[in-house]
Amino acid sequence: MPFFQANGLEYYRFDSLGEAVVHAVFTRKGGVSPQPWSTLNLGGTVGDSRENVVENRRRIFETLGIKVATIFDVWQVHSDKVIITNKPRPLDQPHEKADAILTNNPEVTLFMRFADCVPILLYDPVRRVVGLIHAGWMGTVQQITSKTVLLMREHFDSNPADILAGIGPSIGADHYIIREDVAQKVKESFGEDSVKILHTNGNTIHLDLWAANEILLRKIGVKSVEVSNQCTACDLERWFSHRAEQGKTGRFAALIKLPQG
């Protein structure tokens, strides 16, 4: 199992990314937040105190030996907007709204927060570019994953075939029931591929976000796609789940950073 523990914290890493790039998806363990955000909550808009969130963030960066001042994070709004950055976000400045981030600067740590939506980590070892995507159903239908890879190609001259992708812990299809209007949007976006990602179970429709985003990655030319198969709603000991906890929960962190040198 690709789980690691350090300083009382636990995090997931992709085998395909390995030691080549600094990356982690942290579980909810090892923080200071009380219920219902227990304990490693990184969400600043869910009711937890700012002091707790800041301390939890400090613990994450300390565990990986990274300076907090290298962080670049965004205000996630379920959009298809991608930001390219070559510098960190000053901690006293407001967040930009976006749901994907790219950088080729090893002095920048890309950082996002999740509680059922899909973290997608990207690494181009040839052009030395990293990316981080937040893809719920809205972002997936807007094909933010494809658009991020396209921007890597256009801005950094990345070859999609060189990119290593990891689809991280998020809600699995068994737990992700959607409305008919959402299913219709999926059909409009994915066309004939929608049969691979929409499943019916009696009177309910289920959406497979893992399969949907893998389809987007492979269609754009990414050959290495590793799926964590970690369902947030299945394992509340490890993960925050907005669905399974009826919205009263925290947010776990995912980050990626180029190595120095």
Protein backbone atom coordinates (compact mmCIF):
# COMPACT_ATOMS: atom_id res chain seq x y z
CA MET A 1 0.00 0.00 0.00
CA PRO A 2 1.42 3.40 -0.95
CA PHE A 3 0.73 4.99 2.43
CA PHE A 4 3.45 6.61 4.52
CA GLN A 5 3.53 7.89 8.07
CA ALA A 6 5.67 10.62 9.61
CA ASN A 7 5.27 12.99 12.56
CA GLY A 8 1.88 11.44 13.34
CA LEU A 9 0.58 12.26 9.85
CA GLU A 10 -0.37 9.79 7.13
CA TYR A 11 -0.22 10.39 3.40
CA TYR A 12 -0.75 8.60 0.11
CA ARG A 13 1.77 8.63 -2.74
CA PHE A 14 1.55 7.29 -6.28
CA ASP A 15 3.91 4.48 -7.22
CA SER A 16 4.30 5.86 -10.74
CA LEU A 17 5.42 9.27 -9.46
CA GLY A 18 7.58 7.71 -6.75
CA GLU A 19 10.60 9.70 -5.65
CA ALA A 20 10.83 11.61 -8.93
CA VAL A 21 8.66 14.46 -7.70
CA VAL A 22 7.60 15.70 -4.26
CA HIS A 23 3.94 14.82 -3.83
CA ALA A 24 1.43 13.62 -1.25
CA VAL A 25 -2.28 13.33 -0.55
CA PHE A 26 -2.67 13.65 3.21
CA THR A 27 -5.32 11.76 5.14
CA ARG A 28 -7.33 13.36 7.94
CA LYS A 29 -5.03 11.97 10.65
CA GLY A 30 -2.55 13.85 12.80
CA GLY A 31 -4.00 17.36 13.04
CA VAL A 32 -5.41 19.59 15.78
CA SER A 33 -8.98 20.24 14.58
CA PRO A 34 -11.90 19.01 16.74
CA GLN A 35 -15.05 17.25 15.52
CA PRO A 36 -16.54 17.42 12.94
CA TRP A 37 -13.29 18.42 11.24
CA SER A 38 -11.08 15.96 13.08
CA THR A 39 -8.26 16.23 12.73
CA LEU A 40 -6.04 17.36 9.83
CA ASN A 41 -8.51 19.81 8.29
CA LEU A 42 -7.17 22.23 5.68
CA GLY A 43 -10.50 23.84 4.79
CA GLY A 44 -10.71 27.46 5.84
CA THR A 45 -14.40 27.91 5.00
CA VAL A 46 -16.01 24.94 6.78
CA GLY A 47 -16.31 26.39 10.30
CA ASP A 48 -13.00 25.32 11.80
CA SER A 49 -10.80 28.01 13.36
CA ARG A 50 -8.11 29.70 11.29
CA GLU A 51 -5.55 28.85 13.98
CA ASN A 52 -6.27 25.13 13.58
CA VAL A 53 -6.04 25.26 9.80
CA VAL A 54 -2.75 27.17 9.90
CA GLU A 55 -1.27 24.69 12.37
CA ASN A 56 -2.43 21.74 10.27
CA ARG A 57 -0.85 23.29 7.18
CA ARG A 58 2.39 23.88 9.09
CA ARG A 59 2.50 20.21 10.09
CA ILE A 60 2.04 19.07 6.49
CA PHE A 61 4.83 21.23 5.14
CA GLU A 62 7.13 20.37 8.02
CA THR A 63 6.56 16.64 7.46
CA LEU A 64 7.73 16.92 3.86
CA GLY A 65 10.53 19.37 4.63
CA ILE A 66 9.01 22.16 2.54
CA LYS A 67 8.71 25.84 3.43
CA VAL A 68 5.12 27.06 3.80
CA ALA A 69 6.15 30.23 1.96
CA THR A 70 6.45 28.19 -1.27
CA ILE A 71 2.69 27.52 -1.35
CA PHE A 72 0.47 28.40 -4.28
CA ASP A 73 -3.17 27.57 -3.67
CA VAL A 74 -6.43 28.82 -5.15
CA TRP A 75 -10.06 29.44 -4.29
CA GLN A 76 -11.63 26.32 -5.79
CA VAL A 77 -14.95 27.09 -7.51
CA HIS A 78 -15.75 24.02 -9.70
CA SER A 79 -14.66 25.83 -12.86
CA ASP A 80 -12.49 24.91 -15.84
CA LYS A 81 -10.00 27.70 -15.17
CA VAL A 82 -6.30 26.80 -15.13
CA ILE A 83 -3.66 29.11 -13.65
CA ILE A 84 0.02 29.03 -14.59
CA THR A 85 2.25 30.42 -11.86
CA ASN A 86 5.98 30.96 -11.54
CA LYS A 87 5.91 32.21 -7.97
CA PRO A 88 4.24 31.37 -4.64
CA ARG A 89 1.12 33.10 -3.36
CA PRO A 90 2.04 35.57 -0.62
CA LEU A 91 0.21 34.33 2.47
CA ASP A 92 -1.32 37.76 3.11
CA GLN A 93 -2.81 38.03 -0.39
CA PRO A 94 -6.25 36.72 -1.47
CA HIS A 95 -6.64 33.57 -3.52
CA GLU A 96 -7.37 33.57 -7.25
CA LYS A 97 -10.37 31.53 -8.37
CA ALA A 98 -9.39 28.41 -10.33
CA ASP A 99 -9.47 24.62 -10.23
CA ALA A 100 -6.15 23.67 -11.81
CA ILE A 101 -2.62 24.97 -11.32
CA LEU A 102 0.61 24.50 -13.27
CA THR A 103 4.22 25.50 -12.59
CA ASN A 104 7.75 24.75 -13.75
CA ASN A 105 9.34 26.50 -10.77
CA PRO A 106 10.79 24.19 -8.08
CA GLU A 107 10.34 27.04 -5.58
CA VAL A 108 6.54 26.67 -5.85
CA THR A 109 4.42 24.04 -4.08
CA LEU A 110 1.00 23.50 -5.66
CA PHE A 111 -1.63 22.86 -2.98
CA MET A 112 -5.37 22.07 -3.01
CA ARG A 113 -8.14 20.83 -0.70
CA PHE A 114 -10.62 17.98 -1.19
CA ALA A 115 -13.54 16.09 0.37
CA ASP A 116 -14.91 13.84 -2.44
CA CYS A 117 -13.83 15.68 -5.60
CA VAL A 118 -10.93 14.18 -7.52
CA PRO A 119 -7.32 15.28 -6.99
CA ILE A 120 -5.36 14.78 -10.20
CA LEU A 121 -1.59 15.13 -10.01
CA LEU A 122 0.45 15.67 -13.19
CA TYR A 123 4.19 15.50 -13.74
CA ASP A 124 6.14 15.98 -16.95
CA PRO A 125 9.70 14.75 -16.21
CA VAL A 126 10.97 15.91 -19.60
CA ARG A 127 9.88 19.55 -19.50
CA ARG A 128 9.89 19.54 -15.68
CA VAL A 129 6.35 20.77 -15.12
CA VAL A 130 3.87 19.81 -12.41
CA GLY A 131 0.13 20.27 -12.22
CA LEU A 132 -2.69 19.82 -9.73
CA ILE A 133 -6.39 19.60 -10.61
CA HIS A 134 -9.61 19.71 -8.57
CA ALA A 135 -12.30 17.83 -10.54
CA GLY A 136 -15.80 17.31 -9.19
CA TRP A 137 -18.65 16.52 -11.54
CA MET A 138 -18.81 20.11 -12.78
CA GLY A 139 -15.10 20.31 -13.56
CA THR A 140 -15.17 16.85 -15.10
CA VAL A 141 -18.09 17.74 -17.38
CA GLN A 142 -16.21 20.91 -18.37
CA GLN A 143 -13.22 18.65 -19.13
CA ILE A 144 -10.82 20.61 -16.98
CA THR A 145 -8.42 17.66 -17.01
CA SER A 146 -8.04 17.75 -20.81
CA LYS A 147 -7.74 21.53 -20.79
CA THR A 148 -4.95 21.39 -18.23
CA VAL A 149 -2.92 18.93 -20.30
CA LEU A 150 -3.54 21.02 -23.43
CA LEU A 151 -2.20 24.07 -21.61
CA MET A 152 0.89 22.10 -20.56
CA ARG A 153 1.46 21.35 -24.23
CA GLU A 154 0.82 24.89 -25.42
CA HIS A 155 2.70 26.79 -22.71
CA PHE A 156 5.49 24.40 -21.74
CA ASP A 157 5.77 22.31 -24.93
CA SER A 158 4.92 19.17 -22.98
CA ASN A 159 4.27 15.98 -24.89
CA PRO A 160 1.20 14.36 -23.29
CA ALA A 161 2.83 10.95 -23.79
CA ASP A 162 5.57 12.01 -21.35
CA ILE A 163 3.16 13.09 -18.60
CA LEU A 164 2.65 10.91 -15.54
CA ALA A 165 -0.84 11.27 -14.04
CA GLY A 166 -2.28 10.17 -10.71
CA ILE A 167 -6.02 10.11 -9.95
CA GLY A 168 -6.24 10.45 -6.19
CA PRO A 169 -8.59 9.54 -3.34
CA SER A 170 -12.14 10.73 -4.02
CA ILE A 171 -15.69 9.44 -3.98
CA GLY A 172 -16.16 6.14 -5.80
CA ALA A 173 -18.97 5.34 -8.19
CA ASP A 174 -20.76 3.08 -5.69
CA HIS A 175 -21.33 6.07 -3.40
CA TYR A 176 -21.75 8.82 -5.97
CA ILE A 177 -25.45 9.06 -6.85
CA ILE A 178 -26.35 11.90 -9.21
CA ARG A 179 -29.53 13.52 -10.52
CA GLU A 180 -30.90 13.00 -14.01
CA ASP A 181 -29.99 16.57 -15.02
CA VAL A 182 -26.36 15.93 -14.05
CA ALA A 183 -26.37 12.65 -15.97
CA GLN A 184 -27.63 14.54 -19.02
CA LYS A 185 -24.70 16.97 -18.79
CA VAL A 186 -22.32 14.00 -18.57
CA LYS A 187 -23.88 12.52 -21.72
CA GLU A 188 -23.55 15.83 -23.57
CA SER A 189 -19.88 16.14 -22.57
CA PHE A 190 -18.72 12.54 -23.04
CA GLY A 191 -20.97 11.31 -25.83
CA GLU A 192 -20.58 7.59 -26.47
CA ASP A 193 -18.06 7.30 -23.61
CA SER A 194 -20.81 8.17 -21.12
CA VAL A 195 -21.85 4.50 -20.99
CA LYS A 196 -18.48 3.75 -19.39
CA ILE A 197 -18.96 6.26 -16.57
CA LEU A 198 -22.72 6.32 -15.87
CA HIS A 199 -24.16 3.26 -14.13
CA THR A 200 -27.71 2.57 -12.98
CA ASN A 201 -28.55 0.67 -9.82
CA GLY A 202 -32.29 0.27 -9.53
CA ASN A 203 -33.68 3.79 -9.59
CA THR A 204 -30.36 5.54 -8.97
CA ILE A 205 -27.71 6.82 -11.38
CA HIS A 206 -24.06 6.60 -10.35
CA LEU A 207 -21.15 8.60 -11.77
CA ASP A 208 -17.63 7.16 -11.98
CA LEU A 209 -15.36 10.19 -11.72
CA TRP A 210 -12.25 8.02 -11.81
CA ALA A 211 -13.15 6.47 -15.16
CA ALA A 212 -14.30 9.81 -16.56
CA ASN A 213 -11.04 11.57 -15.83
CA GLU A 214 -8.96 8.62 -16.99
CA ILE A 215 -10.84 8.77 -20.29
CA LEU A 216 -10.06 12.49 -20.60
CA LEU A 217 -6.38 11.89 -19.86
CA ARG A 218 -5.96 9.01 -22.29
CA LYS A 219 -7.87 10.75 -25.09
CA ILE A 220 -5.53 13.72 -24.85
CA GLY A 221 -2.53 11.41 -25.13
CA VAL A 222 -1.45 10.69 -21.54
CA LYS A 223 -0.28 7.07 -21.39
CA SER A 224 0.65 6.71 -17.72
CA VAL A 225 -2.48 7.01 -15.56
CA GLU A 226 -2.46 5.57 -12.05
CA VAL A 227 -5.78 5.41 -10.19
CA SER A 228 -5.59 5.25 -6.40
CA ASN A 229 -8.93 3.41 -6.05
CA GLN A 230 -9.32 5.05 -2.64
CA CYS A 231 -12.97 5.95 -2.02
CA THR A 232 -13.39 8.81 0.44
CA ALA A 233 -16.94 7.80 1.36
CA CYS A 234 -15.84 4.23 2.10
CA ASP A 235 -13.08 5.12 4.56
CA LEU A 236 -14.00 7.94 6.94
CA GLU A 237 -11.14 6.93 9.23
CA ARG A 238 -8.76 8.22 6.58
CA TRP A 239 -10.63 10.73 4.45
CA PHE A 240 -13.09 13.58 4.69
CA SER A 241 -16.24 12.97 2.63
CA HIS A 242 -18.76 15.73 2.00
CA ARG A 243 -21.37 13.22 0.86
CA ALA A 244 -20.91 10.58 3.55
CA GLU A 245 -20.72 13.15 6.36
CA GLN A 246 -23.65 15.27 5.11
CA GLY A 247 -21.49 18.32 4.55
CA LYS A 248 -20.24 18.54 8.14
CA THR A 249 -16.61 17.71 7.61
CA GLY A 250 -13.18 19.06 6.78
CA ARG A 251 -10.93 19.06 3.72
CA PHE A 252 -7.81 16.99 3.16
CA ALA A 253 -4.77 18.29 1.31
CA ALA A 254 -2.97 17.28 -1.88
CA LEU A 255 0.27 18.86 -3.02
CA ILE A 256 2.96 18.48 -5.65
CA LYS A 257 6.31 20.17 -6.13
CA LEU A 258 9.26 19.82 -8.45
CA PRO A 259 12.48 18.63 -6.81
CA GLN A 260 15.38 21.04 -6.58
CA GLY A 261 18.14 20.79 -9.15
